[in-house]
Protein backbone atom coordinates (compact mmCIF):
# COMPACT_ATOMS: atom_id res chain seq x y z
CA MET A 1 72.75 22.14 -7.22
CA ALA A 2 74.25 25.57 -6.57
CA ILE A 3 75.38 27.93 -9.26
CA VAL A 4 78.58 29.70 -8.31
CA GLN A 5 79.84 32.72 -10.20
CA LYS A 6 83.51 32.69 -10.98
CA LYS A 7 85.16 35.70 -9.40
CA TYR A 8 87.72 37.65 -11.37
CA THR A 9 90.93 36.89 -9.53
CA ASP A 10 93.62 37.45 -12.13
CA ARG A 11 94.45 41.13 -11.95
CA ILE A 12 96.56 42.91 -14.51
CA GLU A 13 99.70 44.36 -12.92
CA VAL A 14 101.37 47.47 -14.30
CA ASP A 15 104.80 48.57 -13.08
CA LEU A 16 104.75 52.34 -13.43
CA ALA A 17 108.55 52.50 -13.17
CA GLY A 18 108.93 50.33 -16.27
CA PRO A 19 107.89 50.71 -19.90
CA GLN A 20 104.26 50.00 -19.03
CA GLY A 21 104.21 53.15 -16.91
CA ASN A 22 104.31 55.20 -20.10
CA ALA A 23 101.22 57.42 -20.49
CA PHE A 24 100.66 56.17 -24.04
CA TYR A 25 100.68 52.55 -22.87
CA LEU A 26 98.15 53.36 -20.13
CA LEU A 27 95.89 55.18 -22.60
CA GLY A 28 96.02 52.19 -24.94
CA LEU A 29 95.28 49.77 -22.12
CA ALA A 30 92.38 51.97 -20.99
CA LYS A 31 90.93 51.94 -24.50
CA LYS A 32 91.22 48.16 -24.68
CA LEU A 33 89.57 47.74 -21.27
CA CYS A 34 86.79 50.18 -22.19
CA ASN A 35 85.98 48.07 -25.25
CA GLN A 36 85.94 44.88 -23.18
CA LEU A 37 83.80 46.42 -20.43
CA GLU A 38 81.54 48.27 -22.89
CA ILE A 39 82.40 51.70 -21.47
CA ASP A 40 82.46 54.80 -23.68
CA SER A 41 86.19 55.13 -24.27
CA SER A 42 86.03 58.73 -25.46
CA VAL A 43 84.76 59.89 -22.05
CA VAL A 44 87.40 57.95 -20.13
CA LEU A 45 90.31 58.91 -22.40
CA ASP A 46 89.32 62.58 -22.45
CA GLU A 47 89.17 62.58 -18.66
CA MET A 48 92.59 60.91 -18.48
CA ARG A 49 94.08 63.56 -20.80
CA GLU A 50 92.61 66.55 -18.92
CA SER A 51 95.66 67.24 -16.78
CA ASP A 52 99.00 65.77 -15.79
CA TYR A 53 100.33 62.24 -15.32
CA GLU A 54 99.06 61.98 -11.74
CA ASN A 55 95.54 62.81 -12.98
CA LEU A 56 95.91 60.15 -15.67
CA LEU A 57 96.76 57.57 -13.01
CA SER A 58 93.92 58.69 -10.76
CA VAL A 59 91.33 58.45 -13.52
CA PHE A 60 92.73 55.10 -14.70
CA ASP A 61 92.44 53.76 -11.16
CA LYS A 62 88.90 55.15 -10.81
CA TYR A 63 87.65 53.21 -13.82
CA PHE A 64 89.85 50.11 -13.78
CA GLY A 65 91.07 49.74 -10.18
CA LYS A 66 89.02 46.55 -9.77
CA PHE A 67 90.93 44.90 -12.61
CA VAL A 68 94.37 46.51 -12.68
CA THR A 69 96.99 46.99 -9.99
CA LEU A 70 99.31 49.96 -10.54
CA TYR A 71 102.56 49.94 -8.57
CA ARG A 72 105.75 51.98 -8.54
């Protein structure tokens, strides 16, 4: 008998042109994902807040790009 790991196939999709593209929504989602993935949220959120919106998106993608698709 073979043991097969279930791959994570259901990605979260965020439309940046809609209400989910709001920086506060993305920060909240990042905090929630950090808790689920057992990542130190203070490090991630501080890094997201360091600069402008494009930096926030870049950092979000760096940490959660495997799980979340951001599109415009």
